[in-house]
Protein backbone atom coordinates (compact mmCIF):
# COMPACT_ATOMS: atom_id res chain seq x y z
CA UNK A 1 120.34 126.92 94.18
CA UNK A 2 123.90 126.93 92.83
CA UNK A 3 124.94 129.64 90.44
CA UNK A 4 128.40 128.35 89.47
CA UNK A 5 127.88 128.60 85.75
CA UNK A 6 130.59 127.85 83.23
CA UNK A 7 132.54 130.42 81.25
CA UNK A 8 130.38 129.81 78.21
CA UNK A 9 127.19 130.69 80.14
CA UNK A 10 124.96 133.26 78.45
CA UNK A 11 126.90 133.39 75.18
CA UNK A 12 123.45 133.09 73.61
CA UNK A 13 122.76 136.58 75.04
CA UNK A 14 123.10 138.46 71.75
CA UNK A 15 120.83 139.71 69.00
CA UNK A 16 122.45 137.82 66.11
CA UNK A 17 122.81 134.09 66.60
CA UNK A 18 125.00 131.61 64.72
CA UNK A 19 123.03 128.52 63.76
CA UNK A 20 126.28 126.54 63.40
CA UNK A 21 127.44 127.51 66.87
CA UNK A 22 124.03 126.58 68.32
CA UNK A 23 124.12 123.24 66.48
CA UNK A 24 127.52 122.39 67.99
CA UNK A 25 126.52 123.53 71.50
CA UNK A 26 123.20 121.65 71.53
CA UNK A 27 124.45 118.40 70.02
CA UNK A 28 127.50 118.47 72.32
CA UNK A 29 125.11 118.51 75.27
CA UNK A 30 122.97 115.69 73.81
CA UNK A 31 125.95 113.44 73.00
CA UNK A 32 127.54 114.07 76.42
CA UNK A 33 124.24 113.21 78.08
CA UNK A 34 123.95 109.99 76.05
CA UNK A 35 127.48 109.02 77.11
CA UNK A 36 126.63 109.67 80.77
CA UNK A 37 123.47 107.56 80.48
CA UNK A 38 125.43 104.74 78.80
CA UNK A 39 128.13 104.85 81.49
CA UNK A 40 125.52 104.83 84.29
CA UNK A 41 124.82 101.10 83.89
CA UNK A 42 128.49 100.07 83.56
CA UNK A 43 129.73 98.52 86.80
CA UNK A 44 133.39 99.23 85.94
CA UNK A 45 132.69 102.99 86.03
CA UNK A 46 132.03 102.88 89.80
CA UNK A 47 135.24 102.80 91.91
CA UNK A 48 135.01 99.97 94.42
CA UNK A 49 131.98 98.42 92.74
CA UNK A 50 128.43 99.48 91.99
CA UNK A 51 125.93 100.05 94.81
CA UNK A 52 122.46 101.55 94.93
CA UNK A 53 123.77 104.53 96.92
CA UNK A 54 126.46 105.24 94.31
CA UNK A 55 123.93 105.06 91.49
CA UNK A 56 121.59 107.44 93.32
CA UNK A 57 124.48 109.89 93.87
CA UNK A 58 125.39 109.71 90.18
CA UNK A 59 121.77 110.32 89.12
CA UNK A 60 121.68 113.38 91.40
CA UNK A 61 124.98 114.71 89.98
CA UNK A 62 123.76 114.14 86.42
CA UNK A 63 120.50 115.95 87.20
CA UNK A 64 122.38 119.00 88.55
CA UNK A 65 124.66 118.98 85.49
CA UNK A 66 121.63 118.83 83.15
CA UNK A 67 119.96 121.76 84.93
CA UNK A 68 123.07 123.95 84.80
CA UNK A 69 123.78 123.05 81.16
CA UNK A 70 120.22 123.94 80.15
CA UNK A 71 120.70 127.30 81.85
CA UNK A 72 123.90 127.81 79.86
CA UNK A 73 122.10 126.95 76.61
CA UNK A 74 119.61 129.77 77.11
CA UNK A 75 115.88 130.60 76.96
CA UNK A 76 114.68 127.74 74.76
CA UNK A 77 116.27 125.08 76.91
CA UNK A 78 115.37 126.73 80.21
CA UNK A 79 111.72 126.58 79.18
CA UNK A 80 112.03 123.06 77.73
CA UNK A 81 113.62 121.95 81.01
CA UNK A 82 110.76 123.49 82.97
CA UNK A 83 108.27 121.65 80.75
CA UNK A 84 110.18 118.37 81.10
CA UNK A 85 109.96 118.76 84.87
CA UNK A 86 106.28 117.83 84.41
CA UNK A 87 107.10 114.55 82.64
CA UNK A 88 107.73 112.17 85.54
CA UNK A 89 106.50 109.36 83.26
CA UNK A 90 109.66 109.77 81.15
CA UNK A 91 112.45 110.94 83.46
CA UNK A 92 113.72 109.64 86.83
CA UNK A 93 112.62 111.44 89.99
CA UNK A 94 116.02 113.11 90.51
CA UNK A 95 115.87 114.71 87.04
CA UNK A 96 112.29 115.94 87.56
CA UNK A 97 113.20 117.40 90.96
CA UNK A 98 116.21 119.32 89.61
CA UNK A 99 114.45 120.55 86.46
CA UNK A 100 111.65 121.92 88.63
CA UNK A 101 114.28 124.17 90.29
CA UNK A 102 115.23 125.84 87.00
CA UNK A 103 115.32 129.56 87.66
CA UNK A 104 115.70 131.78 84.62
CA UNK A 105 117.29 134.76 86.40
CA UNK A 106 119.84 135.87 83.84
CA UNK A 107 121.78 139.07 83.10
CA UNK A 108 119.71 142.01 81.84
CA UNK A 109 120.15 143.49 78.36
CA UNK A 110 121.01 147.14 77.84
CA UNK A 111 118.61 150.10 78.14
CA UNK A 112 119.43 151.16 74.55
CA UNK A 113 117.94 147.88 73.33
CA UNK A 114 114.90 148.44 75.56
CA UNK A 115 114.33 151.85 73.98
CA UNK A 116 114.67 150.39 70.50
CA UNK A 117 112.22 147.53 71.12
CA UNK A 118 109.60 149.78 72.78
CA UNK A 119 109.75 152.24 69.88
CA UNK A 120 109.51 149.44 67.30
CA UNK A 121 106.54 147.82 69.04
CA UNK A 122 104.53 150.83 70.24
CA UNK A 123 105.46 153.32 67.53
CA UNK A 124 106.64 156.07 69.89
CA UNK A 125 109.69 156.87 71.97
CA UNK A 126 109.67 156.13 75.71
CA UNK A 127 109.37 159.82 76.81
CA UNK A 128 106.24 160.19 74.65
CA UNK A 129 104.64 157.08 76.19
CA UNK A 130 105.68 157.38 79.83
CA UNK A 131 106.18 160.22 82.29
CA UNK A 132 109.11 158.32 83.80
CA UNK A 133 110.81 155.03 82.98
CA UNK A 134 113.44 153.44 85.21
CA UNK A 135 116.41 152.24 83.08
CA UNK A 136 117.45 149.59 85.62
CA UNK A 137 115.03 146.62 85.48
CA UNK A 138 113.23 145.30 88.54
CA UNK A 139 113.91 141.74 87.34
CA UNK A 140 115.46 140.01 84.33
CA UNK A 141 114.57 136.55 83.00
CA UNK A 142 115.44 134.48 79.95
CA UNK A 143 112.45 135.72 77.93
CA UNK A 144 112.55 139.37 78.94
CA UNK A 145 112.85 141.90 81.74
CA UNK A 146 110.57 144.19 83.76
CA UNK A 147 110.95 147.95 84.20
CA UNK A 148 109.00 150.21 86.53
CA UNK A 149 107.41 153.27 84.89
CA UNK A 150 104.80 155.98 85.42
CA UNK A 151 102.22 156.90 82.78
CA UNK A 152 101.48 160.54 81.91
CA UNK A 153 98.17 160.03 83.74
CA UNK A 154 100.14 159.37 86.93
CA UNK A 155 99.49 155.62 87.23
CA UNK A 156 102.40 153.41 88.28
CA UNK A 157 102.99 150.48 85.92
CA UNK A 158 105.52 147.80 85.08
CA UNK A 159 106.63 147.26 81.50
CA UNK A 160 107.70 143.80 80.33
CA UNK A 161 110.10 143.98 77.39
CA UNK A 162 111.03 140.86 75.47
CA UNK A 163 114.68 139.93 75.02
CA UNK A 164 116.04 141.00 71.60
CA UNK A 165 116.40 138.32 68.95
CA UNK A 166 114.34 135.81 70.95
CA UNK A 167 112.15 134.73 68.03
CA UNK A 168 115.17 134.04 65.85
CA UNK A 169 116.82 132.04 68.65
CA UNK A 170 113.65 129.97 69.08
CA UNK A 171 113.49 129.24 65.35
CA UNK A 172 117.12 128.04 65.27
CA UNK A 173 116.86 125.99 68.46
CA UNK A 174 113.51 124.38 67.64
CA UNK A 175 114.77 123.31 64.23
CA UNK A 176 117.73 121.59 65.90
CA UNK A 177 115.45 120.09 68.56
CA UNK A 178 113.25 118.66 65.83
CA UNK A 179 116.21 116.66 64.53
CA UNK A 180 117.01 115.48 68.05
CA UNK A 181 113.37 114.42 68.61
CA UNK A 182 113.44 112.44 65.34
CA UNK A 183 116.66 110.73 66.42
CA UNK A 184 115.23 109.69 69.79
CA UNK A 185 111.95 108.59 68.16
CA UNK A 186 113.84 106.13 65.94
CA UNK A 187 116.24 105.01 68.69
CA UNK A 188 115.76 101.27 69.40
CA UNK A 189 115.87 101.77 73.19
CA UNK A 190 114.72 105.33 74.00
CA UNK A 191 112.17 105.51 71.20
CA UNK A 192 110.18 102.48 72.29
CA UNK A 193 106.87 103.55 73.82
CA UNK A 194 107.69 107.27 73.69
CA UNK A 195 106.08 109.87 71.47
CA UNK A 196 109.07 112.23 71.20
CA UNK A 197 107.66 114.05 68.20
CA UNK A 198 104.42 114.65 70.11
CA UNK A 199 106.42 116.02 73.07
CA UNK A 200 108.36 118.26 70.66
CA UNK A 201 105.15 119.66 69.16
CA UNK A 202 103.72 120.30 72.63
CA UNK A 203 106.90 122.18 73.62
CA UNK A 204 106.71 124.29 70.44
CA UNK A 205 103.11 125.26 71.12
CA UNK A 206 103.77 126.26 74.73
CA UNK A 207 106.96 128.18 73.88
CA UNK A 208 105.35 130.22 71.08
CA UNK A 209 102.38 131.01 73.30
CA UNK A 210 104.64 132.17 76.15
CA UNK A 211 106.60 134.68 74.06
CA UNK A 212 103.38 136.25 72.76
CA UNK A 213 102.78 139.00 75.33
CA UNK A 214 99.32 139.71 73.91
CA UNK A 215 98.36 136.15 74.83
CA UNK A 216 99.73 136.74 78.34
CA UNK A 217 97.67 139.92 78.59
CA UNK A 218 94.49 138.04 77.62
CA UNK A 219 95.31 135.40 80.24
CA UNK A 220 95.74 138.09 82.90
CA UNK A 221 92.40 139.68 82.01
CA UNK A 222 90.61 136.32 82.16
CA UNK A 223 92.24 135.47 85.47
CA UNK A 224 91.28 138.88 86.92
CA UNK A 225 87.64 138.49 85.80
CA UNK A 226 87.45 135.05 87.41
CA UNK A 227 88.45 136.55 90.77
CA UNK A 228 86.54 139.81 90.57
CA UNK A 229 84.24 138.71 93.41
CA UNK A 230 87.11 137.94 95.81
CA UNK A 231 88.66 140.93 97.56
CA UNK A 232 91.50 138.83 98.98
CA UNK A 233 92.89 138.13 95.47
CA UNK A 234 94.48 140.86 93.31
CA UNK A 235 95.55 140.59 89.68
CA UNK A 236 97.37 143.38 87.77
CA UNK A 237 95.30 145.26 85.21
CA UNK A 238 96.53 145.28 81.60
CA UNK A 239 97.02 148.62 79.82
CA UNK A 240 96.22 147.58 76.26
CA UNK A 241 97.24 150.92 74.74
CA UNK A 242 100.81 150.05 75.74
CA UNK A 243 100.80 146.37 74.75
CA UNK A 244 102.17 144.44 71.77
CA UNK A 245 103.51 140.93 71.11
CA UNK A 246 106.88 141.96 72.62
CA UNK A 247 105.89 144.66 75.14
CA UNK A 248 103.29 144.36 77.91
CA UNK A 249 102.31 147.08 80.38
CA UNK A 250 100.64 146.04 83.63
CA UNK A 251 99.43 147.72 86.78
CA UNK A 252 102.16 148.06 89.42
CA UNK A 253 101.11 145.97 92.42
CA UNK A 254 103.99 145.71 94.89
CA UNK A 255 103.93 143.11 97.64
CA UNK A 256 105.92 140.82 99.89
CA UNK A 257 106.96 137.55 98.26
CA UNK A 258 104.85 134.80 99.83
CA UNK A 259 107.97 132.81 100.81
CA UNK A 260 109.42 135.74 102.85
CA UNK A 261 107.84 134.52 106.06
CA UNK A 262 109.61 136.87 108.47
CA UNK A 263 108.69 139.93 106.39
CA UNK A 264 105.03 138.82 106.33
CA UNK A 265 105.01 138.42 110.09
CA UNK A 266 106.73 141.79 110.55
CA UNK A 267 103.94 143.39 108.48
CA UNK A 268 101.42 142.09 111.03
CA UNK A 269 99.74 139.62 108.66
CA UNK A 270 98.28 136.29 109.78
CA UNK A 271 100.42 133.55 108.25
CA UNK A 272 97.85 130.81 108.92
CA UNK A 273 95.13 132.71 107.04
CA UNK A 274 97.48 133.33 104.09
CA UNK A 275 98.38 129.62 103.93
CA UNK A 276 94.69 128.63 103.68
CA UNK A 277 93.90 131.41 101.20
CA UNK A 278 96.74 130.31 98.90
CA UNK A 279 95.27 126.81 98.73
CA UNK A 280 91.70 128.09 98.39
CA UNK A 281 92.66 130.43 95.52
CA UNK A 282 94.09 127.52 93.56
CA UNK A 283 91.15 125.22 94.28
CA UNK A 284 88.78 127.95 93.07
CA UNK A 285 90.77 128.22 89.83
CA UNK A 286 90.43 124.50 89.20
CA UNK A 287 86.85 123.92 90.26
CA UNK A 288 85.03 127.10 89.22
CA UNK A 289 86.14 127.49 85.62
CA UNK A 290 89.13 125.18 85.09
CA UNK A 291 91.43 128.10 84.15
CA UNK A 292 94.47 127.97 86.42
CA UNK A 293 97.96 129.39 86.90
CA UNK A 294 100.34 126.66 85.71
CA UNK A 295 103.45 128.03 87.44
CA UNK A 296 102.52 129.27 90.95
CA UNK A 297 106.05 129.25 92.42
CA UNK A 298 106.76 131.71 95.29
CA UNK A 299 108.20 134.29 92.87
CA UNK A 300 104.81 134.59 91.15
CA UNK A 301 102.72 135.10 94.31
CA UNK A 302 103.01 138.05 96.71
CA UNK A 303 101.05 139.49 99.61
CA UNK A 304 99.81 143.10 99.68
CA UNK A 305 99.91 145.35 102.74
CA UNK A 306 96.24 144.57 103.49
CA UNK A 307 96.78 140.79 103.30
CA UNK A 308 95.50 140.11 99.76
CA UNK A 309 97.23 137.59 97.48
CA UNK A 310 98.78 139.09 94.33
CA UNK A 311 99.39 136.87 91.29
CA UNK A 312 102.02 137.67 88.63
CA UNK A 313 103.22 136.21 85.32
CA UNK A 314 100.42 134.71 83.24
CA UNK A 315 102.52 133.37 80.35
CA UNK A 316 101.94 129.74 81.31
CA UNK A 317 98.32 128.93 82.12
CA UNK A 318 96.42 125.64 82.13
CA UNK A 319 92.84 124.79 81.33
CA UNK A 320 90.76 121.78 82.36
CA UNK A 321 87.93 121.08 79.93
CA UNK A 322 84.56 119.84 81.15
CA UNK A 323 85.02 116.32 79.75
CA UNK A 324 88.39 116.05 81.48
CA UNK A 325 86.80 117.20 84.73
CA UNK A 326 84.23 114.39 84.42
CA UNK A 327 87.02 111.90 83.78
CA UNK A 328 88.86 113.13 86.84
CA UNK A 329 85.69 112.64 88.87
CA UNK A 330 85.48 109.04 87.66
CA UNK A 331 89.08 108.60 88.82
CA UNK A 332 88.19 110.11 92.18
CA UNK A 333 85.22 107.77 92.61
CA UNK A 334 87.39 104.79 91.69
CA UNK A 335 90.00 105.85 94.24
CA UNK A 336 87.34 106.37 96.92
CA UNK A 337 85.97 102.85 96.28
CA UNK A 338 89.47 101.34 95.90
CA UNK A 339 88.37 100.01 92.51
CA UNK A 340 91.58 99.55 90.52
CA UNK A 341 89.77 98.57 87.30
CA UNK A 342 87.67 101.75 87.37
CA UNK A 343 90.72 103.94 88.04
CA UNK A 344 92.68 102.35 85.17
CA UNK A 345 89.75 102.70 82.73
CA UNK A 346 89.19 106.35 83.67
CA UNK A 347 92.91 107.08 83.22
CA UNK A 348 92.81 105.40 79.78
CA UNK A 349 89.80 107.58 78.86
CA UNK A 350 91.72 110.67 80.05
CA UNK A 351 94.74 109.73 77.98
CA UNK A 352 96.89 109.36 81.10
CA UNK A 353 97.58 105.69 80.32
CA UNK A 354 98.49 104.32 76.93
CA UNK A 355 96.62 100.99 76.59
CA UNK A 356 98.93 98.04 75.94
CA UNK A 357 98.34 94.34 75.22
CA UNK A 358 98.86 93.32 78.83
CA UNK A 359 97.31 95.79 81.30
CA UNK A 360 97.75 93.37 84.22
CA UNK A 361 100.94 94.97 85.65
CA UNK A 362 99.36 98.43 85.46
CA UNK A 363 96.20 97.30 87.23
CA UNK A 364 98.27 95.56 89.90
CA UNK A 365 100.35 98.72 90.43
CA UNK A 366 97.24 100.88 90.76
CA UNK A 367 95.53 98.40 93.07
CA UNK A 368 98.67 98.14 95.20
CA UNK A 369 98.74 101.91 95.56
CA UNK A 370 95.04 102.02 96.48
CA UNK A 371 95.43 99.24 99.03
CA UNK A 372 98.57 100.65 100.65
CA UNK A 373 98.30 104.43 100.40
CA UNK A 374 94.59 105.12 100.76
CA UNK A 375 94.16 103.82 104.31
CA UNK A 376 94.88 107.20 105.87
CA UNK A 377 92.03 109.72 106.26
CA UNK A 378 91.78 112.08 103.29
CA UNK A 379 92.77 115.14 105.33
CA UNK A 380 95.92 113.43 106.73
CA UNK A 381 97.48 112.76 103.34
CA UNK A 382 100.23 114.80 101.69
CA UNK A 383 100.02 116.00 98.09
CA UNK A 384 103.78 115.69 97.66
CA UNK A 385 103.74 112.09 98.91
CA UNK A 386 100.81 111.14 96.67
CA UNK A 387 102.42 112.72 93.57
CA UNK A 388 105.76 111.02 94.36
CA UNK A 389 103.97 107.65 94.60
CA UNK A 390 102.15 108.30 91.32
CA UNK A 391 105.37 109.25 89.52
CA UNK A 392 107.21 106.26 90.96
CA UNK A 393 104.50 103.97 89.60
CA UNK A 394 104.35 105.84 86.28
CA UNK A 395 108.07 105.79 85.50
CA UNK A 396 108.88 103.20 82.81
CA UNK A 397 105.23 102.04 82.63
CA UNK A 398 102.63 103.00 80.00
CA UNK A 399 101.44 106.02 82.02
CA UNK A 400 101.41 109.25 79.99
CA UNK A 401 100.38 111.99 82.39
CA UNK A 402 99.16 114.97 80.33
CA UNK A 403 100.94 118.28 80.98
CA UNK A 404 97.73 119.64 82.56
CA UNK A 405 97.70 116.86 85.14
CA UNK A 406 101.36 117.28 86.07
CA UNK A 407 101.02 121.09 86.19
CA UNK A 408 98.20 120.65 88.72
CA UNK A 409 100.12 118.12 90.84
CA UNK A 410 103.27 120.25 90.83
CA UNK A 411 101.27 123.36 91.74
CA UNK A 412 99.59 121.49 94.60
CA UNK A 413 102.99 120.34 95.90
CA UNK A 414 104.43 123.86 95.64
CA UNK A 415 101.47 125.41 97.45
CA UNK A 416 101.65 122.72 100.12
CA UNK A 417 105.33 123.57 100.69
CA UNK A 418 104.61 127.32 100.86
CA UNK A 419 101.65 126.67 103.18
CA UNK A 420 103.80 124.62 105.57
CA UNK A 421 106.38 127.43 105.55
CA UNK A 422 103.70 129.92 106.54
CA UNK A 423 102.02 127.56 109.00
CA UNK A 424 103.81 124.35 110.15
CA UNK A 425 100.40 122.79 110.95
CA UNK A 426 98.98 123.53 107.48
CA UNK A 427 97.54 120.57 105.56
CA UNK A 428 96.53 121.08 101.95
CA UNK A 429 94.23 118.05 101.91
CA UNK A 430 92.32 119.38 104.90
CA UNK A 431 91.60 122.61 102.99
CA UNK A 432 90.73 120.67 99.84
CA UNK A 433 88.35 118.20 101.51
CA UNK A 434 85.20 120.41 101.56
CA UNK A 435 85.79 121.43 97.92
CA UNK A 436 86.18 117.78 96.85
CA UNK A 437 83.06 116.77 98.77
CA UNK A 438 81.09 119.62 97.24
CA UNK A 439 82.25 118.65 93.76
CA UNK A 440 81.29 115.02 94.32
CA UNK A 441 77.88 116.12 95.61
CA UNK A 442 77.36 118.32 92.55
CA UNK A 443 78.26 115.44 90.26
CA UNK A 444 76.06 112.89 92.02
CA UNK A 445 73.13 115.05 93.05
CA UNK A 446 72.06 116.15 96.51
CA UNK A 447 70.86 112.68 97.57
CA UNK A 448 73.87 110.79 96.31
CA UNK A 449 74.49 109.06 99.61
CA UNK A 450 71.00 107.65 99.99
CA UNK A 451 70.43 103.91 99.78
CA UNK A 452 68.03 104.14 96.84
CA UNK A 453 70.40 106.34 94.85
CA UNK A 454 73.31 103.98 95.44
CA UNK A 455 71.11 100.99 94.53
CA UNK A 456 69.98 102.65 91.30
CA UNK A 457 73.58 103.58 90.45
CA UNK A 458 74.72 100.01 90.85
CA UNK A 459 71.69 98.72 88.88
CA UNK A 460 72.53 101.05 86.00
CA UNK A 461 76.15 99.92 86.13
CA UNK A 462 75.18 96.22 86.06
CA UNK A 463 72.68 96.74 83.23
CA UNK A 464 75.24 98.71 81.22
CA UNK A 465 77.76 95.91 81.65
CA UNK A 466 75.18 93.26 80.72
CA UNK A 467 74.03 95.08 77.60
CA UNK A 468 77.62 95.72 76.57
CA UNK A 469 78.72 92.11 77.02
CA UNK A 470 77.60 90.79 73.58
CA UNK A 471 79.35 93.63 71.85
CA UNK A 472 82.54 93.01 73.83
CA UNK A 473 82.44 89.31 72.95
CA UNK A 474 81.93 90.18 69.28
CA UNK A 475 84.89 92.59 69.39
CA UNK A 476 87.06 89.90 70.98
CA UNK A 477 86.12 87.33 68.28
CA UNK A 478 86.85 89.87 65.52
CA UNK A 479 90.27 90.57 67.01
CA UNK A 480 91.02 86.86 67.15
CA UNK A 481 89.98 86.42 63.49
CA UNK A 482 92.11 89.37 62.36
CA UNK A 483 95.07 88.23 64.43
CA UNK A 484 95.08 91.42 66.49
CA UNK A 485 94.84 89.41 69.70
CA UNK A 486 97.46 86.85 70.65
CA UNK A 487 97.41 84.35 73.50
CA UNK A 488 100.77 83.73 75.10
CA UNK A 489 101.29 80.80 77.49
CA UNK A 490 104.46 80.61 79.56
CA UNK A 491 105.87 77.53 81.23
CA UNK A 492 108.44 78.71 83.76
CA UNK A 493 109.87 75.21 84.35
CA UNK A 494 110.34 74.59 80.61
CA UNK A 495 111.96 77.99 80.16
CA UNK A 496 114.32 77.24 83.04
CA UNK A 497 115.36 73.88 81.57
CA UNK A 498 115.83 75.36 78.09
CA UNK A 499 117.91 78.20 79.50
CA UNK A 500 120.03 75.73 81.47
CA UNK A 501 120.50 73.53 78.41
CA UNK A 502 121.52 76.54 76.32
CA UNK A 503 124.07 77.64 78.94
CA UNK A 504 125.50 74.11 79.14
CA UNK A 505 125.96 74.09 75.36
CA UNK A 506 127.71 77.44 75.53
CA UNK A 507 129.92 76.06 78.34
CA UNK A 508 130.86 73.04 76.20
CA UNK A 509 131.84 75.46 73.41
CA UNK A 510 134.00 77.45 75.82
CA UNK A 511 135.63 74.21 77.06
CA UNK A 512 136.49 73.19 73.49
CA UNK A 513 138.01 76.62 72.81
CA UNK A 514 140.09 76.37 76.01
CA UNK A 515 141.28 72.89 75.07
CA UNK A 516 142.18 73.99 71.54
CA UNK A 517 144.17 77.05 72.64
CA UNK A 518 145.85 75.15 75.49
CA UNK A 519 146.95 72.44 73.06
CA UNK A 520 148.14 75.08 70.57
CA UNK A 521 150.09 76.87 73.28
CA UNK A 522 151.79 73.59 74.29
CA UNK A 523 152.79 72.77 70.70
CA UNK A 524 154.07 76.32 70.09
CA UNK A 525 156.09 76.26 73.33
CA UNK A 526 157.68 72.89 72.44
CA UNK A 527 158.69 74.41 69.08
CA UNK A 528 160.17 77.47 70.87
CA UNK A 529 157.50 79.98 69.68
CA UNK A 530 157.32 81.53 73.13
CA UNK A 531 155.41 84.72 72.34
CA UNK A 532 152.81 82.96 70.22
CA UNK A 533 152.44 80.32 72.94
CA UNK A 534 151.97 83.10 75.54
CA UNK A 535 149.30 84.73 73.37
CA UNK A 536 147.42 81.43 72.97
CA UNK A 537 147.72 80.82 76.71
CA UNK A 538 146.27 84.25 77.48
CA UNK A 539 143.29 83.57 75.21
CA UNK A 540 142.75 80.21 76.95
CA UNK A 541 142.96 81.90 80.38
CA UNK A 542 140.47 84.62 79.37
CA UNK A 543 137.96 82.08 78.07
CA UNK A 544 138.49 80.06 81.26
CA UNK A 545 137.43 83.08 83.34
CA UNK A 546 134.28 83.43 81.21
CA UNK A 547 133.55 79.71 81.64
CA UNK A 548 133.96 79.91 85.43
CA UNK A 549 131.55 82.89 85.59
CA UNK A 550 129.03 80.95 83.49
CA UNK A 551 129.26 77.93 85.81
CA UNK A 552 128.82 80.13 88.89
CA UNK A 553 125.77 81.75 87.32
CA UNK A 554 124.30 78.34 86.55
CA UNK A 555 124.86 77.23 90.14
CA UNK A 556 123.28 80.41 91.53
CA UNK A 557 120.30 80.09 89.18
CA UNK A 558 119.73 76.48 90.30
CA UNK A 559 119.71 77.54 93.95
CA UNK A 560 117.16 80.29 93.19
CA UNK A 561 114.72 77.87 91.56
């Protein structure tokens, strides 16, 4: 990842922030971005003409610029960018890909500020709390930094200290972001079909939760309890006596970063086993209790000397509720049966699709995906490919993937990439298959594959549909009476003729304008008004070019139909 940041990078890194300066910086970014998006569709802005390759290159360059600018703008926007990387239903694939790379490794703040914050939060000076405390941090991020320390009892710990002035910065930035969200919500183009205020409120909730270190400590404890029966998973213990909303003390569990493949091999650990265990750990999080790590990038997973997986950083966690799990199972069954209607209905129930008047295009997209991408055996499919296909279908359609869903898909893709780095033959779907089959069996009962069970299931489905039919008819009639339902009939041939007639009328208007200005130019030239005649002639020539383009378009349209 590039680190060529501008000169203004990290000027947010201070304790006292200027709301006016932040307002100028943030709105400058928004207005520049809007200009870039406006210019993107202008053919004259591409030297030598517009092509698909040039547009793709520009999208990539814009995505890199967005990522680096968010890094310059500081903690709020780094986290917002990371959250937006889960919204493939709103942003193009290039933007999502670049935002997912956002790394918040930023310069550390001074040890004097660390001492001050620890004393304010824990009520004692560092020497009274710790036997030793290393002044140079192990790592620094946008929200805080981590120092190694030793308690007076002799236990090695790490102390997370929040960046000074972070709460004030969040308050300023979120107030400005609220105004931006309102602007986009009312925008005639970008506001249509988008709940920007809802996205803003979701971002606020996640950001405030992440800077509450007590909440992170509770998450770590819950995560550790969930894996207490698995020796191959380790989670740092929380020392609650040394914890506060801005300071968190955790057990020191050193390890090799899971993406350092050569170091793992040098330590004599089996890379194939680690690849499978990484996938299994995540599947257990999802299927056992629905409480999962929402950001399992390689920096948050390490391997101990005895081959156990170590998880770090529990600020961003996800939770799948039981009703959502049932909805996901309905989606799974629909996919297994290649039933597009069932998949669409289950996604509507989950809130992943916003119902619109005409659901035909959505159903066709889903059915196309089922027919074309589900022919391979389950274990031969790639998570990254499936998620890319889903996001491609979702973009600019009424899909609204919840953050939980996109967190899961992104985590699966990340773990698949790490697994392939550890073991080139690793396949995430192959590891997931027995878990999915077990879950389906649990949902359907032990005899779910028997003929009688399948017959009874279909009988129940038919009876449910039959009993529900009168009510559906009644609802349809009520909608017709209230005017909530409209029937639109299109005649393509009539539309074509009307469009042609309209263009011909416009062409006649252009011809009259050309005739009028040509005649005026002739009269002015005869009377020796050369400059005025030249001006009239230029207007006539310009309108002539427009008329020729219109005639060419008419001819091309006739050949198409």
